[in-house]
PDB file of N, CA and C in Angstrom:
ATOM      1  N   MET A   1       1.908  -0.774   8.250  1.00  0.00           N
ATOM      2  CA  MET A   1       3.136  -1.167   8.909  1.00  0.00           C
ATOM      3  C   MET A   1       3.541  -0.074   9.890  1.00  0.00           C
ATOM      4  N   ARG A   2       3.909  -0.478  11.083  1.00  0.00           N
ATOM      5  CA  ARG A   2       4.363   0.476  12.085  1.00  0.00           C
ATOM      6  C   ARG A   2       5.819   0.806  11.822  1.00  0.00           C
ATOM      7  N   ASP A   3       6.264   1.956  12.352  1.00  0.00           N
ATOM      8  CA  ASP A   3       7.659   2.316  12.129  1.00  0.00           C
ATOM      9  C   ASP A   3       8.552   1.300  12.815  1.00  0.00           C
ATOM     10  N   SER A   4       9.698   1.043  12.219  1.00  0.00           N
ATOM     11  CA  SER A   4      10.579  -0.004  12.717  1.00  0.00           C
ATOM     12  C   SER A   4      11.348   0.400  13.960  1.00  0.00           C
ATOM     13  N   VAL A   5      11.291   1.661  14.360  1.00  0.00           N
ATOM     14  CA  VAL A   5      12.041   2.133  15.512  1.00  0.00           C
ATOM     15  C   VAL A   5      11.361   1.770  16.827  1.00  0.00           C
ATOM     16  N   SER A   6      10.057   1.645  16.834  1.00  0.00           N
ATOM     17  CA  SER A   6       9.303   1.499  18.070  1.00  0.00           C
ATOM     18  C   SER A   6       9.647   0.228  18.832  1.00  0.00           C
ATOM     19  N   THR A   7       9.819   0.368  20.150  1.00  0.00           N
ATOM     20  CA  THR A   7      10.021  -0.778  21.025  1.00  0.00           C
ATOM     21  C   THR A   7       8.728  -1.182  21.707  1.00  0.00           C
ATOM     22  N   ALA A   8       7.670  -0.403  21.519  1.00  0.00           N
ATOM     23  CA  ALA A   8       6.376  -0.720  22.122  1.00  0.00           C
ATOM     24  C   ALA A   8       5.757  -1.915  21.400  1.00  0.00           C
ATOM     25  N   PRO A   9       5.007  -2.746  22.143  1.00  0.00           N
ATOM     26  CA  PRO A   9       4.398  -3.918  21.509  1.00  0.00           C
ATOM     27  C   PRO A   9       3.331  -3.531  20.498  1.00  0.00           C
ATOM     28  N   SER A  10       3.144  -4.364  19.511  1.00  0.00           N
ATOM     29  CA  SER A  10       2.120  -4.132  18.498  1.00  0.00           C
ATOM     30  C   SER A  10       0.738  -4.308  19.097  1.00  0.00           C
ATOM     31  N   PRO A  11      -0.222  -3.475  18.699  1.00  0.00           N
ATOM     32  CA  PRO A  11      -1.601  -3.703  19.132  1.00  0.00           C
ATOM     33  C   PRO A  11      -2.113  -5.075  18.708  1.00  0.00           C
ATOM     34  N   GLN A  12      -1.551  -5.633  17.634  1.00  0.00           N
ATOM     35  CA  GLN A  12      -1.936  -6.988  17.240  1.00  0.00           C
ATOM     36  C   GLN A  12      -1.712  -7.942  18.407  1.00  0.00           C
ATOM     37  N   ALA A  13      -0.586  -7.790  19.084  1.00  0.00           N
ATOM     38  CA  ALA A  13      -0.275  -8.669  20.206  1.00  0.00           C
ATOM     39  C   ALA A  13      -1.203  -8.415  21.389  1.00  0.00           C
ATOM     40  N   ALA A  14      -1.592  -7.178  21.590  1.00  0.00           N
ATOM     41  CA  ALA A  14      -2.401  -6.827  22.750  1.00  0.00           C
ATOM     42  C   ALA A  14      -3.881  -7.150  22.586  1.00  0.00           C
ATOM     43  N   PHE A  15      -4.411  -7.077  21.370  1.00  0.00           N
ATOM     44  CA  PHE A  15      -5.857  -7.192  21.173  1.00  0.00           C
ATOM     45  C   PHE A  15      -6.293  -8.302  20.223  1.00  0.00           C
ATOM     46  N   ALA A  16      -5.383  -8.926  19.519  1.00  0.00           N
ATOM     47  CA  ALA A  16      -5.761  -9.862  18.462  1.00  0.00           C
ATOM     48  C   ALA A  16      -6.617 -11.017  18.965  1.00  0.00           C
ATOM     49  N   ASP A  17      -6.401 -11.444  20.192  1.00  0.00           N
ATOM     50  CA  ASP A  17      -7.162 -12.586  20.696  1.00  0.00           C
ATOM     51  C   ASP A  17      -8.632 -12.257  20.936  1.00  0.00           C
ATOM     52  N   ILE A  18      -8.925 -11.025  21.324  1.00  0.00           N
ATOM     53  CA  ILE A  18     -10.303 -10.660  21.654  1.00  0.00           C
ATOM     54  C   ILE A  18     -10.978  -9.822  20.575  1.00  0.00           C
ATOM     55  N   ALA A  19     -10.204  -9.026  19.857  1.00  0.00           N
ATOM     56  CA  ALA A  19     -10.774  -8.140  18.834  1.00  0.00           C
ATOM     57  C   ALA A  19      -9.819  -8.051  17.645  1.00  0.00           C
ATOM     58  N   PRO A  20      -9.746  -9.110  16.852  1.00  0.00           N
ATOM     59  CA  PRO A  20      -8.790  -9.111  15.745  1.00  0.00           C
ATOM     60  C   PRO A  20      -9.002  -7.983  14.744  1.00  0.00           C
ATOM     61  N   ALA A  21     -10.240  -7.604  14.486  1.00  0.00           N
ATOM     62  CA  ALA A  21     -10.484  -6.502  13.545  1.00  0.00           C
ATOM     63  C   ALA A  21      -9.965  -5.188  14.114  1.00  0.00           C
ATOM     64  N   PHE A  22     -10.176  -4.961  15.408  1.00  0.00           N
ATOM     65  CA  PHE A  22      -9.672  -3.753  16.060  1.00  0.00           C
ATOM     66  C   PHE A  22      -8.147  -3.711  15.975  1.00  0.00           C
ATOM     67  N   ALA A  23      -7.505  -4.838  16.262  1.00  0.00           N
ATOM     68  CA  ALA A  23      -6.043  -4.901  16.207  1.00  0.00           C
ATOM     69  C   ALA A  23      -5.545  -4.631  14.790  1.00  0.00           C
ATOM     70  N   ARG A  24      -6.205  -5.233  13.805  1.00  0.00           N
ATOM     71  CA  ARG A  24      -5.797  -5.035  12.410  1.00  0.00           C
ATOM     72  C   ARG A  24      -5.966  -3.579  11.996  1.00  0.00           C
ATOM     73  N   LEU A  25      -7.100  -2.960  12.344  1.00  0.00           N
ATOM     74  CA  LEU A  25      -7.328  -1.550  12.004  1.00  0.00           C
ATOM     75  C   LEU A  25      -6.319  -0.640  12.701  1.00  0.00           C
ATOM     76  N   THR A  26      -5.988  -0.980  13.936  1.00  0.00           N
ATOM     77  CA  THR A  26      -4.998  -0.187  14.662  1.00  0.00           C
ATOM     78  C   THR A  26      -3.660  -0.212  13.933  1.00  0.00           C
ATOM     79  N   ASP A  27      -3.228  -1.398  13.556  1.00  0.00           N
ATOM     80  CA  ASP A  27      -1.941  -1.518  12.863  1.00  0.00           C
ATOM     81  C   ASP A  27      -1.991  -0.986  11.433  1.00  0.00           C
ATOM     82  N   GLU A  28      -3.028  -1.365  10.683  1.00  0.00           N
ATOM     83  CA  GLU A  28      -3.055  -1.064   9.253  1.00  0.00           C
ATOM     84  C   GLU A  28      -3.558   0.336   8.914  1.00  0.00           C
ATOM     85  N   VAL A  29      -4.441   0.891   9.722  1.00  0.00           N
ATOM     86  CA  VAL A  29      -4.956   2.233   9.431  1.00  0.00           C
ATOM     87  C   VAL A  29      -4.272   3.269  10.316  1.00  0.00           C
ATOM     88  N   LEU A  30      -4.392   3.112  11.624  1.00  0.00           N
ATOM     89  CA  LEU A  30      -3.829   4.126  12.518  1.00  0.00           C
ATOM     90  C   LEU A  30      -2.316   4.254  12.341  1.00  0.00           C
ATOM     91  N   PHE A  31      -1.593   3.143  12.534  1.00  0.00           N
ATOM     92  CA  PHE A  31      -0.136   3.244  12.492  1.00  0.00           C
ATOM     93  C   PHE A  31       0.434   3.222  11.079  1.00  0.00           C
ATOM     94  N   ALA A  32      -0.168   2.511  10.160  1.00  0.00           N
ATOM     95  CA  ALA A  32       0.384   2.435   8.804  1.00  0.00           C
ATOM     96  C   ALA A  32      -0.041   3.599   7.922  1.00  0.00           C
ATOM     97  N   GLU A  33      -1.186   4.210   8.204  1.00  0.00           N
ATOM     98  CA  GLU A  33      -1.644   5.328   7.375  1.00  0.00           C
ATOM     99  C   GLU A  33      -1.573   6.658   8.120  1.00  0.00           C
ATOM    100  N   VAL A  34      -2.294   6.788   9.210  1.00  0.00           N
ATOM    101  CA  VAL A  34      -2.372   8.078   9.910  1.00  0.00           C
ATOM    102  C   VAL A  34      -0.996   8.513  10.409  1.00  0.00           C
ATOM    103  N   TRP A  35      -0.278   7.612  11.075  1.00  0.00           N
ATOM    104  CA  TRP A  35       1.028   7.980  11.621  1.00  0.00           C
ATOM    105  C   TRP A  35       2.072   8.213  10.530  1.00  0.00           C
ATOM    106  N   GLN A  36       1.835   7.754   9.326  1.00  0.00           N
ATOM    107  CA  GLN A  36       2.810   7.907   8.242  1.00  0.00           C
ATOM    108  C   GLN A  36       2.521   9.098   7.334  1.00  0.00           C
ATOM    109  N   ARG A  37       1.466   9.848   7.628  1.00  0.00           N
ATOM    110  CA  ARG A  37       1.149  11.014   6.798  1.00  0.00           C
ATOM    111  C   ARG A  37       2.306  12.013   6.851  1.00  0.00           C
ATOM    112  N   PRO A  38       2.529  12.770   5.777  1.00  0.00           N
ATOM    113  CA  PRO A  38       3.693  13.648   5.698  1.00  0.00           C
ATOM    114  C   PRO A  38       3.594  14.957   6.479  1.00  0.00           C
ATOM    115  N   GLY A  39       2.444  15.334   6.983  1.00  0.00           N
ATOM    116  CA  GLY A  39       2.282  16.648   7.597  1.00  0.00           C
ATOM    117  C   GLY A  39       3.024  16.867   8.902  1.00  0.00           C
ATOM    118  N   LEU A  40       3.265  15.804   9.651  1.00  0.00           N
ATOM    119  CA  LEU A  40       3.992  15.895  10.918  1.00  0.00           C
ATOM    120  C   LEU A  40       5.021  14.773  10.965  1.00  0.00           C
ATOM    121  N   SER A  41       6.125  15.030  11.636  1.00  0.00           N
ATOM    122  CA  SER A  41       7.120  13.979  11.833  1.00  0.00           C
ATOM    123  C   SER A  41       6.608  13.008  12.902  1.00  0.00           C
ATOM    124  N   PRO A  42       7.175  11.801  12.974  1.00  0.00           N
ATOM    125  CA  PRO A  42       6.784  10.895  14.058  1.00  0.00           C
ATOM    126  C   PRO A  42       7.011  11.521  15.442  1.00  0.00           C
ATOM    127  N   ARG A  43       8.079  12.289  15.588  1.00  0.00           N
ATOM    128  CA  ARG A  43       8.359  12.967  16.862  1.00  0.00           C
ATOM    129  C   ARG A  43       7.229  13.933  17.214  1.00  0.00           C
ATOM    130  N   GLU A  44       6.805  14.736  16.236  1.00  0.00           N
ATOM    131  CA  GLU A  44       5.718  15.694  16.468  1.00  0.00           C
ATOM    132  C   GLU A  44       4.407  14.967  16.755  1.00  0.00           C
ATOM    133  N   ARG A  45       4.126  13.903  16.018  1.00  0.00           N
ATOM    134  CA  ARG A  45       2.901  13.131  16.266  1.00  0.00           C
ATOM    135  C   ARG A  45       2.912  12.537  17.670  1.00  0.00           C
ATOM    136  N   SER A  46       4.070  12.070  18.106  1.00  0.00           N
ATOM    137  CA  SER A  46       4.166  11.518  19.456  1.00  0.00           C
ATOM    138  C   SER A  46       3.899  12.581  20.512  1.00  0.00           C
ATOM    139  N   LEU A  47       4.448  13.770  20.329  1.00  0.00           N
ATOM    140  CA  LEU A  47       4.220  14.836  21.303  1.00  0.00           C
ATOM    141  C   LEU A  47       2.742  15.213  21.361  1.00  0.00           C
ATOM    142  N   VAL A  48       2.107  15.329  20.204  1.00  0.00           N
ATOM    143  CA  VAL A  48       0.675  15.647  20.157  1.00  0.00           C
ATOM    144  C   VAL A  48      -0.135  14.539  20.832  1.00  0.00           C
ATOM    145  N   THR A  49       0.211  13.302  20.546  1.00  0.00           N
ATOM    146  CA  THR A  49      -0.529  12.169  21.113  1.00  0.00           C
ATOM    147  C   THR A  49      -0.378  12.111  22.621  1.00  0.00           C
ATOM    148  N   VAL A  50       0.846  12.261  23.118  1.00  0.00           N
ATOM    149  CA  VAL A  50       1.061  12.259  24.567  1.00  0.00           C
ATOM    150  C   VAL A  50       0.285  13.400  25.212  1.00  0.00           C
ATOM    151  N   ALA A  51       0.328  14.581  24.612  1.00  0.00           N
ATOM    152  CA  ALA A  51      -0.402  15.725  25.170  1.00  0.00           C
ATOM    153  C   ALA A  51      -1.901  15.444  25.226  1.00  0.00           C
ATOM    154  N   ALA A  52      -2.445  14.864  24.168  1.00  0.00           N
ATOM    155  CA  ALA A  52      -3.877  14.550  24.154  1.00  0.00           C
ATOM    156  C   ALA A  52      -4.223  13.522  25.220  1.00  0.00           C
ATOM    157  N   LEU A  53      -3.408  12.492  25.354  1.00  0.00           N
ATOM    158  CA  LEU A  53      -3.690  11.457  26.352  1.00  0.00           C
ATOM    159  C   LEU A  53      -3.604  12.002  27.769  1.00  0.00           C
ATOM    160  N   VAL A  54      -2.624  12.865  28.032  1.00  0.00           N
ATOM    161  CA  VAL A  54      -2.516  13.480  29.361  1.00  0.00           C
ATOM    162  C   VAL A  54      -3.727  14.364  29.616  1.00  0.00           C
ATOM    163  N   ALA A  55      -4.052  15.228  28.660  1.00  0.00           N
ATOM    164  CA  ALA A  55      -5.161  16.170  28.841  1.00  0.00           C
ATOM    165  C   ALA A  55      -6.498  15.455  29.029  1.00  0.00           C
ATOM    166  N   LEU A  56      -6.674  14.330  28.357  1.00  0.00           N
ATOM    167  CA  LEU A  56      -7.928  13.575  28.457  1.00  0.00           C
ATOM    168  C   LEU A  56      -7.902  12.534  29.577  1.00  0.00           C
ATOM    169  N   TYR A  57      -6.789  12.475  30.299  1.00  0.00           N
ATOM    170  CA  TYR A  57      -6.617  11.544  31.421  1.00  0.00           C
ATOM    171  C   TYR A  57      -6.793  10.096  30.970  1.00  0.00           C
ATOM    172  N   ARG A  58      -6.165   9.762  29.852  1.00  0.00           N
ATOM    173  CA  ARG A  58      -6.217   8.402  29.308  1.00  0.00           C
ATOM    174  C   ARG A  58      -4.939   7.660  29.706  1.00  0.00           C
ATOM    175  N   LEU A  59      -4.799   7.442  31.002  1.00  0.00           N
ATOM    176  CA  LEU A  59      -3.562   6.889  31.542  1.00  0.00           C
ATOM    177  C   LEU A  59      -3.267   5.476  31.058  1.00  0.00           C
ATOM    178  N   GLU A  60      -4.300   4.703  30.743  1.00  0.00           N
ATOM    179  CA  GLU A  60      -4.059   3.319  30.319  1.00  0.00           C
ATOM    180  C   GLU A  60      -3.324   3.251  28.981  1.00  0.00           C
ATOM    181  N   GLN A  61      -3.451   4.259  28.145  1.00  0.00           N
ATOM    182  CA  GLN A  61      -2.775   4.292  26.850  1.00  0.00           C
ATOM    183  C   GLN A  61      -1.427   5.015  26.906  1.00  0.00           C
ATOM    184  N   LEU A  62      -1.195   5.734  27.978  1.00  0.00           N
ATOM    185  CA  LEU A  62      -0.014   6.595  28.052  1.00  0.00           C
ATOM    186  C   LEU A  62       1.316   5.841  28.056  1.00  0.00           C
ATOM    187  N   PRO A  63       1.499   4.739  28.784  1.00  0.00           N
ATOM    188  CA  PRO A  63       2.807   4.070  28.756  1.00  0.00           C
ATOM    189  C   PRO A  63       3.250   3.665  27.347  1.00  0.00           C
ATOM    190  N   PHE A  64       2.342   3.116  26.563  1.00  0.00           N
ATOM    191  CA  PHE A  64       2.665   2.739  25.180  1.00  0.00           C
ATOM    192  C   PHE A  64       3.150   3.954  24.394  1.00  0.00           C
ATOM    193  N   HIS A  65       2.422   5.060  24.505  1.00  0.00           N
ATOM    194  CA  HIS A  65       2.768   6.238  23.707  1.00  0.00           C
ATOM    195  C   HIS A  65       3.971   6.990  24.267  1.00  0.00           C
ATOM    196  N   LEU A  66       4.226   6.883  25.552  1.00  0.00           N
ATOM    197  CA  LEU A  66       5.469   7.449  26.088  1.00  0.00           C
ATOM    198  C   LEU A  66       6.668   6.687  25.529  1.00  0.00           C
ATOM    199  N   GLN A  67       6.572   5.362  25.438  1.00  0.00           N
ATOM    200  CA  GLN A  67       7.658   4.584  24.832  1.00  0.00           C
ATOM    201  C   GLN A  67       7.860   4.983  23.372  1.00  0.00           C
ATOM    202  N   ARG A  68       6.774   5.139  22.641  1.00  0.00           N
ATOM    203  CA  ARG A  68       6.889   5.577  21.237  1.00  0.00           C
ATOM    204  C   ARG A  68       7.525   6.959  21.159  1.00  0.00           C
ATOM    205  N   ALA A  69       7.133   7.853  22.054  1.00  0.00           N
ATOM    206  CA  ALA A  69       7.703   9.205  22.047  1.00  0.00           C
ATOM    207  C   ALA A  69       9.211   9.149  22.275  1.00  0.00           C
ATOM    208  N   LEU A  70       9.632   8.331  23.221  1.00  0.00           N
ATOM    209  CA  LEU A  70      11.066   8.170  23.463  1.00  0.00           C
ATOM    210  C   LEU A  70      11.740   7.535  22.245  1.00  0.00           C
ATOM    211  N   ASP A  71      11.092   6.562  21.632  1.00  0.00           N
ATOM    212  CA  ASP A  71      11.624   5.950  20.404  1.00  0.00           C
ATOM    213  C   ASP A  71      11.766   6.975  19.282  1.00  0.00           C
ATOM    214  N   HIS A  72      10.857   7.943  19.256  1.00  0.00           N
ATOM    215  CA  HIS A  72      10.851   8.946  18.185  1.00  0.00           C
ATOM    216  C   HIS A  72      11.735  10.149  18.485  1.00  0.00           C
ATOM    217  N   GLY A  73      12.552  10.065  19.527  1.00  0.00           N
ATOM    218  CA  GLY A  73      13.540  11.106  19.770  1.00  0.00           C
ATOM    219  C   GLY A  73      13.182  12.146  20.807  1.00  0.00           C
ATOM    220  N   LEU A  74      12.001  12.061  21.388  1.00  0.00           N
ATOM    221  CA  LEU A  74      11.687  12.966  22.498  1.00  0.00           C
ATOM    222  C   LEU A  74      12.399  12.430  23.733  1.00  0.00           C
ATOM    223  N   ASP A  75      13.017  13.306  24.501  1.00  0.00           N
ATOM    224  CA  ASP A  75      13.693  12.828  25.702  1.00  0.00           C
ATOM    225  C   ASP A  75      12.820  13.060  26.932  1.00  0.00           C
ATOM    226  N   ARG A  76      13.243  12.464  28.033  1.00  0.00           N
ATOM    227  CA  ARG A  76      12.474  12.537  29.276  1.00  0.00           C
ATOM    228  C   ARG A  76      12.229  13.972  29.700  1.00  0.00           C
ATOM    229  N   ASP A  77      13.233  14.826  29.601  1.00  0.00           N
ATOM    230  CA  ASP A  77      13.081  16.210  30.050  1.00  0.00           C
ATOM    231  C   ASP A  77      12.080  16.982  29.193  1.00  0.00           C
ATOM    232  N   THR A  78      12.097  16.754  27.893  1.00  0.00           N
ATOM    233  CA  THR A  78      11.132  17.421  27.009  1.00  0.00           C
ATOM    234  C   THR A  78       9.716  16.964  27.324  1.00  0.00           C
ATOM    235  N   LEU A  79       9.536  15.663  27.511  1.00  0.00           N
ATOM    236  CA  LEU A  79       8.212  15.142  27.852  1.00  0.00           C
ATOM    237  C   LEU A  79       7.753  15.657  29.211  1.00  0.00           C
ATOM    238  N   ALA A  80       8.666  15.720  30.184  1.00  0.00           N
ATOM    239  CA  ALA A  80       8.308  16.250  31.506  1.00  0.00           C
ATOM    240  C   ALA A  80       7.900  17.716  31.406  1.00  0.00           C
ATOM    241  N   GLU A  81       8.588  18.478  30.579  1.00  0.00           N
ATOM    242  CA  GLU A  81       8.234  19.889  30.396  1.00  0.00           C
ATOM    243  C   GLU A  81       6.862  20.029  29.746  1.00  0.00           C
ATOM    244  N   ALA A  82       6.590  19.195  28.753  1.00  0.00           N
ATOM    245  CA  ALA A  82       5.271  19.234  28.107  1.00  0.00           C
ATOM    246  C   ALA A  82       4.170  18.892  29.106  1.00  0.00           C
ATOM    247  N   ILE A  83       4.397  17.881  29.929  1.00  0.00           N
ATOM    248  CA  ILE A  83       3.404  17.490  30.934  1.00  0.00           C
ATOM    249  C   ILE A  83       3.232  18.594  31.968  1.00  0.00           C
ATOM    250  N   THR A  84       4.322  19.225  32.380  1.00  0.00           N
ATOM    251  CA  THR A  84       4.238  20.348  33.322  1.00  0.00           C
ATOM    252  C   THR A  84       3.419  21.482  32.717  1.00  0.00           C
ATOM    253  N   HIS A  85       3.662  21.791  31.469  1.00  0.00           N
ATOM    254  CA  HIS A  85       2.903  22.838  30.779  1.00  0.00           C
ATOM    255  C   HIS A  85       1.413  22.482  30.739  1.00  0.00           C
ATOM    256  N   LEU A  86       1.129  21.230  30.466  1.00  0.00           N
ATOM    257  CA  LEU A  86      -0.266  20.782  30.412  1.00  0.00           C
ATOM    258  C   LEU A  86      -0.981  20.908  31.751  1.00  0.00           C
ATOM    259  N   ALA A  87      -0.252  20.870  32.842  1.00  0.00           N
ATOM    260  CA  ALA A  87      -0.886  20.978  34.164  1.00  0.00           C
ATOM    261  C   ALA A  87      -1.736  22.236  34.260  1.00  0.00           C
ATOM    262  N   PHE A  88      -1.307  23.300  33.608  1.00  0.00           N
ATOM    263  CA  PHE A  88      -2.018  24.573  33.688  1.00  0.00           C
ATOM    264  C   PHE A  88      -3.193  24.662  32.716  1.00  0.00           C
ATOM    265  N   TYR A  89      -3.258  23.765  31.755  1.00  0.00           N
ATOM    266  CA  TYR A  89      -4.337  23.771  30.770  1.00  0.00           C
ATOM    267  C   TYR A  89      -5.291  22.593  30.940  1.00  0.00           C
ATOM    268  N   ALA A  90      -4.762  21.455  31.361  1.00  0.00           N
ATOM    269  CA  ALA A  90      -5.579  20.242  31.464  1.00  0.00           C
ATOM    270  C   ALA A  90      -5.910  19.878  32.903  1.00  0.00           C
ATOM    271  N   GLY A  91      -5.209  20.488  33.836  1.00  0.00           N
ATOM    272  CA  GLY A  91      -5.456  20.205  35.243  1.00  0.00           C
ATOM    273  C   GLY A  91      -4.278  19.510  35.905  1.00  0.00           C
ATOM    274  N   TRP A  92      -4.073  19.891  37.144  1.00  0.00           N
ATOM    275  CA  TRP A  92      -2.952  19.356  37.919  1.00  0.00           C
ATOM    276  C   TRP A  92      -3.023  17.834  38.061  1.00  0.00           C
ATOM    277  N   PRO A  93      -4.187  17.255  38.385  1.00  0.00           N
ATOM    278  CA  PRO A  93      -4.239  15.796  38.533  1.00  0.00           C
ATOM    279  C   PRO A  93      -3.847  15.045  37.258  1.00  0.00           C
ATOM    280  N   CYS A  94      -4.199  15.561  36.107  1.00  0.00           N
ATOM    281  CA  CYS A  94      -3.818  14.906  34.850  1.00  0.00           C
ATOM    282  C   CYS A  94      -2.300  14.839  34.726  1.00  0.00           C
ATOM    283  N   ALA A  95      -1.647  15.943  34.975  1.00  0.00           N
ATOM    284  CA  ALA A  95      -0.187  15.994  34.864  1.00  0.00           C
ATOM    285  C   ALA A  95       0.480  15.190  35.973  1.00  0.00           C
ATOM    286  N   ALA A  96      -0.012  15.337  37.193  1.00  0.00           N
ATOM    287  CA  ALA A  96       0.585  14.625  38.327  1.00  0.00           C
ATOM    288  C   ALA A  96       0.471  13.114  38.152  1.00  0.00           C
ATOM    289  N   SER A  97      -0.584  12.653  37.523  1.00  0.00           N
ATOM    290  CA  SER A  97      -0.749  11.217  37.283  1.00  0.00           C
ATOM    291  C   SER A  97       0.111  10.727  36.126  1.00  0.00           C
ATOM    292  N   ALA A  98       0.433  11.596  35.197  1.00  0.00           N
ATOM    293  CA  ALA A  98       1.240  11.210  34.041  1.00  0.00           C
ATOM    294  C   ALA A  98       2.728  11.133  34.366  1.00  0.00           C
ATOM    295  N   LEU A  99       3.204  11.950  35.280  1.00  0.00           N
ATOM    296  CA  LEU A  99       4.643  12.002  35.552  1.00  0.00           C
ATOM    297  C   LEU A  99       5.220  10.677  36.056  1.00  0.00           C
ATOM    298  N   PRO A 100       4.558   9.958  36.961  1.00  0.00           N
ATOM    299  CA  PRO A 100       5.115   8.650  37.346  1.00  0.00           C
ATOM    300  C   PRO A 100       5.180   7.659  36.173  1.00  0.00           C
ATOM    301  N   LEU A 101       4.247   7.773  35.247  1.00  0.00           N
ATOM    302  CA  LEU A 101       4.282   6.905  34.068  1.00  0.00           C
ATOM    303  C   LEU A 101       5.460   7.259  33.170  1.00  0.00           C
ATOM    304  N   LEU A 102       5.773   8.545  33.079  1.00  0.00           N
ATOM    305  CA  LEU A 102       6.960   8.967  32.336  1.00  0.00           C
ATOM    306  C   LEU A 102       8.217   8.444  33.019  1.00  0.00           C
ATOM    307  N   ARG A 103       8.277   8.557  34.333  1.00  0.00           N
ATOM    308  CA  ARG A 103       9.440   8.046  35.078  1.00  0.00           C
ATOM    309  C   ARG A 103       9.642   6.560  34.766  1.00  0.00           C
ATOM    310  N   ALA A 104       8.562   5.785  34.814  1.00  0.00           N
ATOM    311  CA  ALA A 104       8.657   4.346  34.553  1.00  0.00           C
ATOM    312  C   ALA A 104       9.078   4.063  33.111  1.00  0.00           C
ATOM    313  N   ALA A 105       8.531   4.803  32.163  1.00  0.00           N
ATOM    314  CA  ALA A 105       8.885   4.595  30.757  1.00  0.00           C
ATOM    315  C   ALA A 105      10.360   4.896  30.519  1.00  0.00           C
ATOM    316  N   ALA A 106      10.845   5.981  31.097  1.00  0.00           N
ATOM    317  CA  ALA A 106      12.252   6.351  30.919  1.00  0.00           C
ATOM    318  C   ALA A 106      13.169   5.346  31.614  1.00  0.00           C
ATOM    319  N   ALA A 107      12.761   4.875  32.785  1.00  0.00           N
ATOM    320  CA  ALA A 107      13.581   3.917  33.532  1.00  0.00           C
ATOM    321  C   ALA A 107      13.646   2.563  32.833  1.00  0.00           C
ATOM    322  N   ALA A 108      12.635   2.228  32.075  1.00  0.00           N
ATOM    323  CA  ALA A 108      12.584   0.933  31.391  1.00  0.00           C
ATOM    324  C   ALA A 108      13.478   0.880  30.160  1.00  0.00           C
ATOM    325  N   ARG A 109      13.998   2.019  29.758  1.00  0.00           N
ATOM    326  CA  ARG A 109      14.826   2.060  28.551  1.00  0.00           C
ATOM    327  C   ARG A 109      16.245   1.618  28.867  1.00  0.00           C
ATOM    328  N   PRO A 110      16.892   0.987  27.910  1.00  0.00           N
ATOM    329  CA  PRO A 110      18.282   0.600  28.144  1.00  0.00           C
ATOM    330  C   PRO A 110      19.165   1.830  28.316  1.00  0.00           C
ATOM    331  N   ALA A 111      20.133   1.706  29.188  1.00  0.00           N
ATOM    332  CA  ALA A 111      21.066   2.809  29.412  1.00  0.00           C
ATOM    333  C   ALA A 111      21.889   3.026  28.149  1.00  0.00           C
ATOM    334  N   THR A 112      22.106   4.286  27.831  1.00  0.00           N
ATOM    335  CA  THR A 112      22.942   4.610  26.674  1.00  0.00           C
ATOM    336  C   THR A 112      24.249   5.186  27.170  1.00  0.00           C
ATOM    337  N   THR A 113      25.288   4.920  26.442  1.00  0.00           N
ATOM    338  CA  THR A 113      26.590   5.473  26.800  1.00  0.00           C
ATOM    339  C   THR A 113      27.022   6.424  25.707  1.00  0.00           C
ATOM    340  N   GLU A 114      27.532   7.542  26.123  1.00  0.00           N
ATOM    341  CA  GLU A 114      28.023   8.554  25.189  1.00  0.00           C
ATOM    342  C   GLU A 114      29.453   8.191  24.797  1.00  0.00           C
ATOM    343  N   THR A 115      29.744   8.245  23.526  1.00  0.00           N
ATOM    344  CA  THR A 115      31.115   8.045  23.076  1.00  0.00           C
ATOM    345  C   THR A 115      31.576   9.291  22.347  1.00  0.00           C
ATOM    346  N   PRO A 116      32.779   9.748  22.648  1.00  0.00           N
ATOM    347  CA  PRO A 116      33.261  10.976  21.993  1.00  0.00           C
ATOM    348  C   PRO A 116      33.525  10.801  20.527  1.00  0.00           C
TER     349      PRO A 116
END
């Protein structure tokens, strides 16, 4: 079971028609077991995952995981700082390509209002 906070679509919805076993393993093993392990919080797992995807230039997976990162409490500025830091370790093109995806992910979120 995936965490109930996520607004990102389930891999079941994305892959079930073409690869039902892949979709099931993604939901039941990756998200229900690996992501639920006690060693890291969901926020920490999201930061590690985003960093890995940026460093490996896996842009097709990045929007989903940026949404999860935002769902898990990472804010746009923290993610932008992490991506900026990665530019010096993973390469400028990796970071430069990730930043517009972060902009889009943050813009797609509903506006929040602060109440005193």
